[in-house]
């Protein structure tokens, strides 16, 4: 049995524009997330290699010194700020949190007026 129904086509140009804008925002967000994960992967791989090289060339210095871990530390700060830039706005105070707070305050106001 063949389905002869036509797909729904939205003829409202404003609605199509909104959907396209939403798609572009989502695409941009996904690219930011992928960029962060590539940054994190390169951080892990390269720093393992650097730590290995540093452990082989200590020349009598202790392994647990700042000189050995300085690249890991400073680059880690960069990865942390990249994480905050990508996920920070939605991590703690995202739209769901805002909606819960609005509902909570509205409920408190309703109790006060009852």
PDB file of N, CA and C in Angstrom:
ATOM      1  N   UNK A   1       0.841  -1.159   0.000  1.00  0.00           N
ATOM      2  CA  UNK A   1       0.000   0.000   0.000  1.00  0.00           C
ATOM      3  C   UNK A   1       0.898   1.238   0.000  1.00  0.00           C
ATOM      4  N   UNK A   2       0.610   2.132  -0.907  1.00  0.00           N
ATOM      5  CA  UNK A   2       1.456   3.319  -1.083  1.00  0.00           C
ATOM      6  C   UNK A   2       0.852   4.499  -0.334  1.00  0.00           C
ATOM      7  N   UNK A   3       1.685   5.259   0.310  1.00  0.00           N
ATOM      8  CA  UNK A   3       1.239   6.425   1.065  1.00  0.00           C
ATOM      9  C   UNK A   3       1.218   7.621   0.129  1.00  0.00           C
ATOM     10  N   UNK A   4       0.032   8.150  -0.166  1.00  0.00           N
ATOM     11  CA  UNK A   4      -0.108   9.263  -1.095  1.00  0.00           C
ATOM     12  C   UNK A   4      -0.238  10.615  -0.406  1.00  0.00           C
ATOM     13  N   UNK A   5       0.027  10.658   0.879  1.00  0.00           N
ATOM     14  CA  UNK A   5      -0.085  11.933   1.576  1.00  0.00           C
ATOM     15  C   UNK A   5       1.135  12.778   1.277  1.00  0.00           C
ATOM     16  N   UNK A   6       0.899  14.059   1.105  1.00  0.00           N
ATOM     17  CA  UNK A   6       1.997  14.991   0.833  1.00  0.00           C
ATOM     18  C   UNK A   6       2.579  15.467   2.154  1.00  0.00           C
ATOM     19  N   UNK A   7       3.871  15.688   2.204  1.00  0.00           N
ATOM     20  CA  UNK A   7       4.457  16.193   3.445  1.00  0.00           C
ATOM     21  C   UNK A   7       3.957  17.607   3.708  1.00  0.00           C
ATOM     22  N   UNK A   8       3.853  17.938   4.977  1.00  0.00           N
ATOM     23  CA  UNK A   8       3.394  19.266   5.370  1.00  0.00           C
ATOM     24  C   UNK A   8       4.458  20.283   4.999  1.00  0.00           C
ATOM     25  N   UNK A   9       4.067  21.274   4.247  1.00  0.00           N
ATOM     26  CA  UNK A   9       4.976  22.353   3.853  1.00  0.00           C
ATOM     27  C   UNK A   9       4.468  23.628   4.489  1.00  0.00           C
ATOM     28  N   UNK A  10       5.299  24.242   5.271  1.00  0.00           N
ATOM     29  CA  UNK A  10       4.933  25.483   5.935  1.00  0.00           C
ATOM     30  C   UNK A  10       5.109  26.628   4.950  1.00  0.00           C
ATOM     31  N   UNK A  11       4.022  27.290   4.641  1.00  0.00           N
ATOM     32  CA  UNK A  11       4.092  28.375   3.663  1.00  0.00           C
ATOM     33  C   UNK A  11       4.260  29.735   4.320  1.00  0.00           C
ATOM     34  N   UNK A  12       4.296  29.784   5.638  1.00  0.00           N
ATOM     35  CA  UNK A  12       4.482  31.031   6.360  1.00  0.00           C
ATOM     36  C   UNK A  12       5.974  31.378   6.347  1.00  0.00           C
ATOM     37  N   UNK A  13       6.385  32.448   5.638  1.00  0.00           N
ATOM     38  CA  UNK A  13       7.811  32.766   5.539  1.00  0.00           C
ATOM     39  C   UNK A  13       8.433  33.140   6.885  1.00  0.00           C
ATOM     40  N   UNK A  14       7.655  33.734   7.790  1.00  0.00           N
ATOM     41  CA  UNK A  14       8.203  34.083   9.100  1.00  0.00           C
ATOM     42  C   UNK A  14       8.548  32.829   9.890  1.00  0.00           C
ATOM     43  N   UNK A  15       7.707  31.834   9.818  1.00  0.00           N
ATOM     44  CA  UNK A  15       7.945  30.574  10.535  1.00  0.00           C
ATOM     45  C   UNK A  15       9.166  29.865   9.962  1.00  0.00           C
ATOM     46  N   UNK A  16       9.310  29.880   8.631  1.00  0.00           N
ATOM     47  CA  UNK A  16      10.481  29.266   8.010  1.00  0.00           C
ATOM     48  C   UNK A  16      11.753  29.976   8.448  1.00  0.00           C
ATOM     49  N   UNK A  17      11.690  31.293   8.554  1.00  0.00           N
ATOM     50  CA  UNK A  17      12.851  32.074   8.992  1.00  0.00           C
ATOM     51  C   UNK A  17      13.232  31.708  10.423  1.00  0.00           C
ATOM     52  N   UNK A  18      12.240  31.569  11.299  1.00  0.00           N
ATOM     53  CA  UNK A  18      12.499  31.198  12.684  1.00  0.00           C
ATOM     54  C   UNK A  18      13.134  29.822  12.777  1.00  0.00           C
ATOM     55  N   UNK A  19      12.642  28.896  11.981  1.00  0.00           N
ATOM     56  CA  UNK A  19      13.209  27.536  11.998  1.00  0.00           C
ATOM     57  C   UNK A  19      14.636  27.540  11.481  1.00  0.00           C
ATOM     58  N   UNK A  20      14.902  28.329  10.448  1.00  0.00           N
ATOM     59  CA  UNK A  20      16.258  28.415   9.913  1.00  0.00           C
ATOM     60  C   UNK A  20      17.205  29.045  10.928  1.00  0.00           C
ATOM     61  N   UNK A  21      16.745  30.084  11.610  1.00  0.00           N
ATOM     62  CA  UNK A  21      17.556  30.724  12.656  1.00  0.00           C
ATOM     63  C   UNK A  21      17.851  29.738  13.782  1.00  0.00           C
ATOM     64  N   UNK A  22      16.850  28.980  14.194  1.00  0.00           N
ATOM     65  CA  UNK A  22      17.041  27.985  15.255  1.00  0.00           C
ATOM     66  C   UNK A  22      18.048  26.928  14.815  1.00  0.00           C
ATOM     67  N   UNK A  23      17.941  26.503  13.571  1.00  0.00           N
ATOM     68  CA  UNK A  23      18.885  25.516  13.046  1.00  0.00           C
ATOM     69  C   UNK A  23      20.309  26.068  13.053  1.00  0.00           C
ATOM     70  N   UNK A  24      20.475  27.303  12.609  1.00  0.00           N
ATOM     71  CA  UNK A  24      21.810  27.902  12.565  1.00  0.00           C
ATOM     72  C   UNK A  24      22.393  28.070  13.963  1.00  0.00           C
ATOM     73  N   UNK A  25      21.567  28.436  14.945  1.00  0.00           N
ATOM     74  CA  UNK A  25      22.039  28.541  16.327  1.00  0.00           C
ATOM     75  C   UNK A  25      22.472  27.174  16.850  1.00  0.00           C
ATOM     76  N   UNK A  26      21.681  26.155  16.571  1.00  0.00           N
ATOM     77  CA  UNK A  26      22.013  24.802  17.023  1.00  0.00           C
ATOM     78  C   UNK A  26      23.290  24.314  16.354  1.00  0.00           C
ATOM     79  N   UNK A  27      23.439  24.598  15.070  1.00  0.00           N
ATOM     80  CA  UNK A  27      24.645  24.188  14.349  1.00  0.00           C
ATOM     81  C   UNK A  27      25.878  24.873  14.929  1.00  0.00           C
ATOM     82  N   UNK A  28      25.770  26.149  15.245  1.00  0.00           N
ATOM     83  CA  UNK A  28      26.883  26.893  15.834  1.00  0.00           C
ATOM     84  C   UNK A  28      27.258  26.310  17.199  1.00  0.00           C
ATOM     85  N   UNK A  29      26.250  25.970  17.987  1.00  0.00           N
ATOM     86  CA  UNK A  29      26.509  25.390  19.316  1.00  0.00           C
ATOM     87  C   UNK A  29      27.207  24.044  19.196  1.00  0.00           C
ATOM     88  N   UNK A  30      26.761  23.212  18.267  1.00  0.00           N
ATOM     89  CA  UNK A  30      27.392  21.904  18.069  1.00  0.00           C
ATOM     90  C   UNK A  30      28.843  22.073  17.651  1.00  0.00           C
ATOM     91  N   UNK A  31      29.133  23.038  16.790  1.00  0.00           N
ATOM     92  CA  UNK A  31      30.517  23.276  16.370  1.00  0.00           C
ATOM     93  C   UNK A  31      31.377  23.717  17.547  1.00  0.00           C
ATOM     94  N   UNK A  32      30.827  24.522  18.450  1.00  0.00           N
ATOM     95  CA  UNK A  32      31.572  24.929  19.646  1.00  0.00           C
ATOM     96  C   UNK A  32      31.870  23.726  20.532  1.00  0.00           C
ATOM     97  N   UNK A  33      30.894  22.846  20.692  1.00  0.00           N
ATOM     98  CA  UNK A  33      31.088  21.656  21.530  1.00  0.00           C
ATOM     99  C   UNK A  33      32.139  20.745  20.921  1.00  0.00           C
ATOM    100  N   UNK A  34      32.069  20.528  19.614  1.00  0.00           N
ATOM    101  CA  UNK A  34      33.061  19.691  18.938  1.00  0.00           C
ATOM    102  C   UNK A  34      34.448  20.311  19.072  1.00  0.00           C
ATOM    103  N   UNK A  35      34.546  21.627  18.922  1.00  0.00           N
ATOM    104  CA  UNK A  35      35.822  22.314  19.082  1.00  0.00           C
ATOM    105  C   UNK A  35      36.399  22.122  20.466  1.00  0.00           C
ATOM    106  N   UNK A  36      35.544  22.172  21.489  1.00  0.00           N
ATOM    107  CA  UNK A  36      36.026  21.952  22.853  1.00  0.00           C
ATOM    108  C   UNK A  36      36.560  20.534  23.009  1.00  0.00           C
ATOM    109  N   UNK A  37      35.833  19.546  22.507  1.00  0.00           N
ATOM    110  CA  UNK A  37      36.286  18.158  22.667  1.00  0.00           C
ATOM    111  C   UNK A  37      37.598  17.901  21.923  1.00  0.00           C
ATOM    112  N   UNK A  38      37.799  18.533  20.772  1.00  0.00           N
ATOM    113  CA  UNK A  38      39.088  18.418  20.086  1.00  0.00           C
ATOM    114  C   UNK A  38      40.188  19.061  20.919  1.00  0.00           C
ATOM    115  N   UNK A  39      39.903  20.207  21.521  1.00  0.00           N
ATOM    116  CA  UNK A  39      40.873  20.883  22.377  1.00  0.00           C
ATOM    117  C   UNK A  39      41.225  19.990  23.567  1.00  0.00           C
ATOM    118  N   UNK A  40      40.221  19.400  24.196  1.00  0.00           N
ATOM    119  CA  UNK A  40      40.448  18.527  25.337  1.00  0.00           C
ATOM    120  C   UNK A  40      41.260  17.293  24.948  1.00  0.00           C
ATOM    121  N   UNK A  41      40.940  16.683  23.814  1.00  0.00           N
ATOM    122  CA  UNK A  41      41.680  15.502  23.363  1.00  0.00           C
ATOM    123  C   UNK A  41      43.134  15.841  23.080  1.00  0.00           C
ATOM    124  N   UNK A  42      43.380  16.968  22.413  1.00  0.00           N
ATOM    125  CA  UNK A  42      44.770  17.342  22.139  1.00  0.00           C
ATOM    126  C   UNK A  42      45.496  17.671  23.433  1.00  0.00           C
ATOM    127  N   UNK A  43      44.813  18.280  24.399  1.00  0.00           N
ATOM    128  CA  UNK A  43      45.403  18.578  25.708  1.00  0.00           C
ATOM    129  C   UNK A  43      45.876  17.288  26.379  1.00  0.00           C
ATOM    130  N   UNK A  44      45.031  16.283  26.409  1.00  0.00           N
ATOM    131  CA  UNK A  44      45.365  15.027  27.082  1.00  0.00           C
ATOM    132  C   UNK A  44      46.513  14.324  26.375  1.00  0.00           C
ATOM    133  N   UNK A  45      46.415  14.157  25.061  1.00  0.00           N
ATOM    134  CA  UNK A  45      47.433  13.412  24.319  1.00  0.00           C
ATOM    135  C   UNK A  45      48.786  14.116  24.368  1.00  0.00           C
ATOM    136  N   UNK A  46      48.802  15.391  24.088  1.00  0.00           N
ATOM    137  CA  UNK A  46      50.074  16.119  24.033  1.00  0.00           C
ATOM    138  C   UNK A  46      50.703  16.230  25.413  1.00  0.00           C
ATOM    139  N   UNK A  47      49.889  16.437  26.449  1.00  0.00           N
ATOM    140  CA  UNK A  47      50.470  16.551  27.785  1.00  0.00           C
ATOM    141  C   UNK A  47      50.987  15.219  28.307  1.00  0.00           C
ATOM    142  N   UNK A  48      50.383  14.114  27.936  1.00  0.00           N
ATOM    143  CA  UNK A  48      50.950  12.804  28.292  1.00  0.00           C
ATOM    144  C   UNK A  48      52.324  12.662  27.654  1.00  0.00           C
ATOM    145  N   UNK A  49      52.432  13.046  26.393  1.00  0.00           N
ATOM    146  CA  UNK A  49      53.716  12.985  25.693  1.00  0.00           C
ATOM    147  C   UNK A  49      54.742  13.911  26.361  1.00  0.00           C
ATOM    148  N   UNK A  50      54.353  15.135  26.684  1.00  0.00           N
ATOM    149  CA  UNK A  50      55.265  16.087  27.321  1.00  0.00           C
ATOM    150  C   UNK A  50      55.712  15.576  28.691  1.00  0.00           C
ATOM    151  N   UNK A  51      54.775  15.036  29.466  1.00  0.00           N
ATOM    152  CA  UNK A  51      55.145  14.498  30.782  1.00  0.00           C
ATOM    153  C   UNK A  51      56.108  13.326  30.650  1.00  0.00           C
ATOM    154  N   UNK A  52      55.888  12.502  29.643  1.00  0.00           N
ATOM    155  CA  UNK A  52      56.816  11.394  29.417  1.00  0.00           C
ATOM    156  C   UNK A  52      58.211  11.925  29.085  1.00  0.00           C
ATOM    157  N   UNK A  53      58.279  12.893  28.177  1.00  0.00           N
ATOM    158  CA  UNK A  53      59.582  13.467  27.831  1.00  0.00           C
ATOM    159  C   UNK A  53      60.239  14.134  29.028  1.00  0.00           C
ATOM    160  N   UNK A  54      59.477  14.861  29.805  1.00  0.00           N
ATOM    161  CA  UNK A  54      60.025  15.513  30.987  1.00  0.00           C
ATOM    162  C   UNK A  54      60.527  14.504  32.015  1.00  0.00           C
ATOM    163  N   UNK A  55      59.819  13.392  32.141  1.00  0.00           N
ATOM    164  CA  UNK A  55      60.257  12.376  33.110  1.00  0.00           C
ATOM    165  C   UNK A  55      61.561  11.718  32.672  1.00  0.00           C
ATOM    166  N   UNK A  56      61.838  11.702  31.379  1.00  0.00           N
ATOM    167  CA  UNK A  56      63.073  11.102  30.881  1.00  0.00           C
ATOM    168  C   UNK A  56      64.263  12.061  30.976  1.00  0.00           C
ATOM    169  N   UNK A  57      64.008  13.361  31.035  1.00  0.00           N
ATOM    170  CA  UNK A  57      65.073  14.363  31.029  1.00  0.00           C
ATOM    171  C   UNK A  57      65.088  15.193  32.309  1.00  0.00           C
ATOM    172  N   UNK A  58      65.007  14.550  33.447  1.00  0.00           N
ATOM    173  CA  UNK A  58      64.940  15.284  34.706  1.00  0.00           C
ATOM    174  C   UNK A  58      66.300  15.834  35.135  1.00  0.00           C
ATOM    175  N   UNK A  59      67.382  15.170  34.783  1.00  0.00           N
ATOM    176  CA  UNK A  59      68.738  15.588  35.171  1.00  0.00           C
ATOM    177  C   UNK A  59      68.854  15.793  36.679  1.00  0.00           C
ATOM    178  N   UNK A  60      68.314  14.876  37.438  1.00  0.00           N
ATOM    179  CA  UNK A  60      68.425  14.949  38.885  1.00  0.00           C
ATOM    180  C   UNK A  60      67.342  15.753  39.567  1.00  0.00           C
ATOM    181  N   UNK A  61      66.502  16.455  38.829  1.00  0.00           N
ATOM    182  CA  UNK A  61      65.411  17.214  39.439  1.00  0.00           C
ATOM    183  C   UNK A  61      64.277  16.263  39.828  1.00  0.00           C
ATOM    184  N   UNK A  62      63.510  16.615  40.845  1.00  0.00           N
ATOM    185  CA  UNK A  62      62.381  15.747  41.232  1.00  0.00           C
ATOM    186  C   UNK A  62      61.259  15.804  40.184  1.00  0.00           C
ATOM    187  N   UNK A  63      60.575  14.674  40.020  1.00  0.00           N
ATOM    188  CA  UNK A  63      59.487  14.617  39.039  1.00  0.00           C
ATOM    189  C   UNK A  63      58.330  15.519  39.445  1.00  0.00           C
ATOM    190  N   UNK A  64      58.017  15.555  40.742  1.00  0.00           N
ATOM    191  CA  UNK A  64      56.874  16.331  41.219  1.00  0.00           C
ATOM    192  C   UNK A  64      57.270  17.785  41.459  1.00  0.00           C
ATOM    193  N   UNK A  65      57.779  18.423  40.433  1.00  0.00           N
ATOM    194  CA  UNK A  65      58.121  19.842  40.538  1.00  0.00           C
ATOM    195  C   UNK A  65      57.266  20.643  39.554  1.00  0.00           C
ATOM    196  N   UNK A  66      57.213  21.942  39.786  1.00  0.00           N
ATOM    197  CA  UNK A  66      56.389  22.788  38.926  1.00  0.00           C
ATOM    198  C   UNK A  66      56.926  22.824  37.504  1.00  0.00           C
ATOM    199  N   UNK A  67      58.242  22.720  37.343  1.00  0.00           N
ATOM    200  CA  UNK A  67      58.830  22.750  36.002  1.00  0.00           C
ATOM    201  C   UNK A  67      58.281  21.628  35.124  1.00  0.00           C
ATOM    202  N   UNK A  68      58.051  20.485  35.712  1.00  0.00           N
ATOM    203  CA  UNK A  68      57.547  19.340  34.953  1.00  0.00           C
ATOM    204  C   UNK A  68      56.084  19.547  34.568  1.00  0.00           C
ATOM    205  N   UNK A  69      55.305  20.133  35.461  1.00  0.00           N
ATOM    206  CA  UNK A  69      53.867  20.239  35.256  1.00  0.00           C
ATOM    207  C   UNK A  69      53.398  21.625  34.832  1.00  0.00           C
ATOM    208  N   UNK A  70      54.300  22.528  34.514  1.00  0.00           N
ATOM    209  CA  UNK A  70      53.882  23.894  34.185  1.00  0.00           C
ATOM    210  C   UNK A  70      53.012  23.948  32.916  1.00  0.00           C
ATOM    211  N   UNK A  71      53.375  23.196  31.891  1.00  0.00           N
ATOM    212  CA  UNK A  71      52.573  23.185  30.664  1.00  0.00           C
ATOM    213  C   UNK A  71      51.186  22.616  30.938  1.00  0.00           C
ATOM    214  N   UNK A  72      51.135  21.529  31.693  1.00  0.00           N
ATOM    215  CA  UNK A  72      49.848  20.918  32.043  1.00  0.00           C
ATOM    216  C   UNK A  72      48.984  21.926  32.805  1.00  0.00           C
ATOM    217  N   UNK A  73      49.601  22.629  33.732  1.00  0.00           N
ATOM    218  CA  UNK A  73      48.867  23.583  34.569  1.00  0.00           C
ATOM    219  C   UNK A  73      48.320  24.748  33.750  1.00  0.00           C
ATOM    220  N   UNK A  74      49.184  25.416  33.005  1.00  0.00           N
ATOM    221  CA  UNK A  74      48.744  26.606  32.276  1.00  0.00           C
ATOM    222  C   UNK A  74      47.795  26.268  31.125  1.00  0.00           C
ATOM    223  N   UNK A  75      48.077  25.200  30.414  1.00  0.00           N
ATOM    224  CA  UNK A  75      47.172  24.797  29.347  1.00  0.00           C
ATOM    225  C   UNK A  75      45.843  24.338  29.938  1.00  0.00           C
ATOM    226  N   UNK A  76      45.895  23.709  31.115  1.00  0.00           N
ATOM    227  CA  UNK A  76      44.675  23.294  31.806  1.00  0.00           C
ATOM    228  C   UNK A  76      43.781  24.476  32.131  1.00  0.00           C
ATOM    229  N   UNK A  77      44.395  25.613  32.488  1.00  0.00           N
ATOM    230  CA  UNK A  77      43.604  26.823  32.720  1.00  0.00           C
ATOM    231  C   UNK A  77      42.880  27.226  31.440  1.00  0.00           C
ATOM    232  N   UNK A  78      43.593  27.145  30.321  1.00  0.00           N
ATOM    233  CA  UNK A  78      42.968  27.463  29.033  1.00  0.00           C
ATOM    234  C   UNK A  78      41.829  26.529  28.695  1.00  0.00           C
ATOM    235  N   UNK A  79      42.009  25.223  28.956  1.00  0.00           N
ATOM    236  CA  UNK A  79      40.947  24.249  28.694  1.00  0.00           C
ATOM    237  C   UNK A  79      39.748  24.521  29.599  1.00  0.00           C
ATOM    238  N   UNK A  80      40.006  24.891  30.850  1.00  0.00           N
ATOM    239  CA  UNK A  80      38.918  25.208  31.776  1.00  0.00           C
ATOM    240  C   UNK A  80      38.094  26.391  31.274  1.00  0.00           C
ATOM    241  N   UNK A  81      38.763  27.457  30.836  1.00  0.00           N
ATOM    242  CA  UNK A  81      38.025  28.617  30.338  1.00  0.00           C
ATOM    243  C   UNK A  81      37.309  28.311  29.020  1.00  0.00           C
ATOM    244  N   UNK A  82      37.885  27.439  28.210  1.00  0.00           N
ATOM    245  CA  UNK A  82      37.191  27.003  26.993  1.00  0.00           C
ATOM    246  C   UNK A  82      35.919  26.248  27.381  1.00  0.00           C
ATOM    247  N   UNK A  83      36.020  25.388  28.396  1.00  0.00           N
ATOM    248  CA  UNK A  83      34.856  24.648  28.896  1.00  0.00           C
ATOM    249  C   UNK A  83      33.773  25.606  29.370  1.00  0.00           C
ATOM    250  N   UNK A  84      34.165  26.611  30.158  1.00  0.00           N
ATOM    251  CA  UNK A  84      33.201  27.588  30.665  1.00  0.00           C
ATOM    252  C   UNK A  84      32.567  28.350  29.503  1.00  0.00           C
ATOM    253  N   UNK A  85      33.372  28.692  28.489  1.00  0.00           N
ATOM    254  CA  UNK A  85      32.844  29.401  27.329  1.00  0.00           C
ATOM    255  C   UNK A  85      31.832  28.596  26.543  1.00  0.00           C
ATOM    256  N   UNK A  86      32.021  27.284  26.498  1.00  0.00           N
ATOM    257  CA  UNK A  86      31.113  26.431  25.724  1.00  0.00           C
ATOM    258  C   UNK A  86      29.908  25.987  26.553  1.00  0.00           C
ATOM    259  N   UNK A  87      30.147  25.527  27.779  1.00  0.00           N
ATOM    260  CA  UNK A  87      29.077  24.943  28.581  1.00  0.00           C
ATOM    261  C   UNK A  87      28.627  25.814  29.742  1.00  0.00           C
ATOM    262  N   UNK A  88      29.372  26.839  30.068  1.00  0.00           N
ATOM    263  CA  UNK A  88      29.126  27.607  31.285  1.00  0.00           C
ATOM    264  C   UNK A  88      27.785  28.264  31.366  1.00  0.00           C
ATOM    265  N   UNK A  89      27.300  28.814  30.273  1.00  0.00           N
ATOM    266  CA  UNK A  89      26.038  29.541  30.338  1.00  0.00           C
ATOM    267  C   UNK A  89      24.868  28.616  30.635  1.00  0.00           C
ATOM    268  N   UNK A  90      24.966  27.361  30.270  1.00  0.00           N
ATOM    269  CA  UNK A  90      23.875  26.416  30.518  1.00  0.00           C
ATOM    270  C   UNK A  90      24.177  25.454  31.652  1.00  0.00           C
ATOM    271  N   UNK A  91      25.391  25.519  32.178  1.00  0.00           N
ATOM    272  CA  UNK A  91      25.795  24.556  33.197  1.00  0.00           C
ATOM    273  C   UNK A  91      24.987  24.725  34.477  1.00  0.00           C
ATOM    274  N   UNK A  92      24.948  25.939  34.990  1.00  0.00           N
ATOM    275  CA  UNK A  92      24.254  26.167  36.247  1.00  0.00           C
ATOM    276  C   UNK A  92      22.986  26.997  36.065  1.00  0.00           C
ATOM    277  N   UNK A  93      23.036  27.997  35.240  1.00  0.00           N
ATOM    278  CA  UNK A  93      21.935  28.934  35.123  1.00  0.00           C
ATOM    279  C   UNK A  93      21.310  28.892  33.734  1.00  0.00           C
ATOM    280  N   UNK A  94      20.953  27.706  33.289  1.00  0.00           N
ATOM    281  CA  UNK A  94      20.345  27.552  31.976  1.00  0.00           C
ATOM    282  C   UNK A  94      18.870  27.905  31.992  1.00  0.00           C
ATOM    283  N   UNK A  95      18.241  27.710  30.862  1.00  0.00           N
ATOM    284  CA  UNK A  95      16.824  28.066  30.715  1.00  0.00           C
ATOM    285  C   UNK A  95      15.930  27.244  31.640  1.00  0.00           C
ATOM    286  N   UNK A  96      16.268  25.978  31.856  1.00  0.00           N
ATOM    287  CA  UNK A  96      15.465  25.142  32.751  1.00  0.00           C
ATOM    288  C   UNK A  96      15.543  25.676  34.177  1.00  0.00           C
ATOM    289  N   UNK A  97      16.720  26.101  34.605  1.00  0.00           N
ATOM    290  CA  UNK A  97      16.882  26.683  35.939  1.00  0.00           C
ATOM    291  C   UNK A  97      16.057  27.960  36.055  1.00  0.00           C
ATOM    292  N   UNK A  98      16.138  28.813  35.032  1.00  0.00           N
ATOM    293  CA  UNK A  98      15.370  30.052  35.037  1.00  0.00           C
ATOM    294  C   UNK A  98      13.873  29.761  35.145  1.00  0.00           C
ATOM    295  N   UNK A  99      13.396  28.796  34.392  1.00  0.00           N
ATOM    296  CA  UNK A  99      11.972  28.455  34.418  1.00  0.00           C
ATOM    297  C   UNK A  99      11.559  27.945  35.793  1.00  0.00           C
ATOM    298  N   UNK A 100      12.401  27.100  36.426  1.00  0.00           N
ATOM    299  CA  UNK A 100      12.087  26.602  37.761  1.00  0.00           C
ATOM    300  C   UNK A 100      12.018  27.748  38.769  1.00  0.00           C
ATOM    301  N   UNK A 101      12.949  28.689  38.676  1.00  0.00           N
ATOM    302  CA  UNK A 101      12.960  29.828  39.602  1.00  0.00           C
ATOM    303  C   UNK A 101      11.728  30.710  39.401  1.00  0.00           C
ATOM    304  N   UNK A 102      11.369  30.966  38.160  1.00  0.00           N
ATOM    305  CA  UNK A 102      10.175  31.773  37.879  1.00  0.00           C
ATOM    306  C   UNK A 102       8.945  31.103  38.475  1.00  0.00           C
ATOM    307  N   UNK A 103       8.809  29.802  38.256  1.00  0.00           N
ATOM    308  CA  UNK A 103       7.662  29.078  38.791  1.00  0.00           C
ATOM    309  C   UNK A 103       7.663  29.096  40.312  1.00  0.00           C
ATOM    310  N   UNK A 104       8.840  28.966  40.919  1.00  0.00           N
ATOM    311  CA  UNK A 104       8.947  28.989  42.377  1.00  0.00           C
ATOM    312  C   UNK A 104       8.483  30.337  42.925  1.00  0.00           C
ATOM    313  N   UNK A 105       8.968  31.425  42.344  1.00  0.00           N
ATOM    314  CA  UNK A 105       8.597  32.749  42.832  1.00  0.00           C
ATOM    315  C   UNK A 105       7.125  33.055  42.586  1.00  0.00           C
ATOM    316  N   UNK A 106       6.596  32.595  41.471  1.00  0.00           N
ATOM    317  CA  UNK A 106       5.165  32.795  41.197  1.00  0.00           C
ATOM    318  C   UNK A 106       4.329  32.021  42.213  1.00  0.00           C
ATOM    319  N   UNK A 107       4.767  30.806  42.540  1.00  0.00           N
ATOM    320  CA  UNK A 107       4.056  29.998  43.527  1.00  0.00           C
ATOM    321  C   UNK A 107       4.096  30.670  44.902  1.00  0.00           C
ATOM    322  N   UNK A 108       5.260  31.234  45.276  1.00  0.00           N
ATOM    323  CA  UNK A 108       5.368  31.943  46.551  1.00  0.00           C
ATOM    324  C   UNK A 108       4.447  33.155  46.582  1.00  0.00           C
ATOM    325  N   UNK A 109       4.394  33.892  45.476  1.00  0.00           N
ATOM    326  CA  UNK A 109       3.487  35.043  45.403  1.00  0.00           C
ATOM    327  C   UNK A 109       2.029  34.615  45.507  1.00  0.00           C
ATOM    328  N   UNK A 110       1.668  33.520  44.863  1.00  0.00           N
ATOM    329  CA  UNK A 110       0.287  33.033  44.919  1.00  0.00           C
ATOM    330  C   UNK A 110      -0.090  32.640  46.345  1.00  0.00           C
ATOM    331  N   UNK A 111       0.831  32.015  47.080  1.00  0.00           N
ATOM    332  CA  UNK A 111       0.568  31.629  48.467  1.00  0.00           C
ATOM    333  C   UNK A 111       0.377  32.870  49.335  1.00  0.00           C
ATOM    334  N   UNK A 112       1.134  33.904  49.061  1.00  0.00           N
ATOM    335  CA  UNK A 112       1.054  35.127  49.852  1.00  0.00           C
ATOM    336  C   UNK A 112      -0.303  35.805  49.644  1.00  0.00           C
ATOM    337  N   UNK A 113      -0.867  35.725  48.454  1.00  0.00           N
ATOM    338  CA  UNK A 113      -2.127  36.408  48.148  1.00  0.00           C
ATOM    339  C   UNK A 113      -3.352  35.560  48.474  1.00  0.00           C
ATOM    340  N   UNK A 114      -3.138  34.307  48.820  1.00  0.00           N
ATOM    341  CA  UNK A 114      -4.305  33.432  49.130  1.00  0.00           C
ATOM    342  C   UNK A 114      -4.779  33.630  50.530  1.00  0.00           C
TER     343      UNK A 114
END
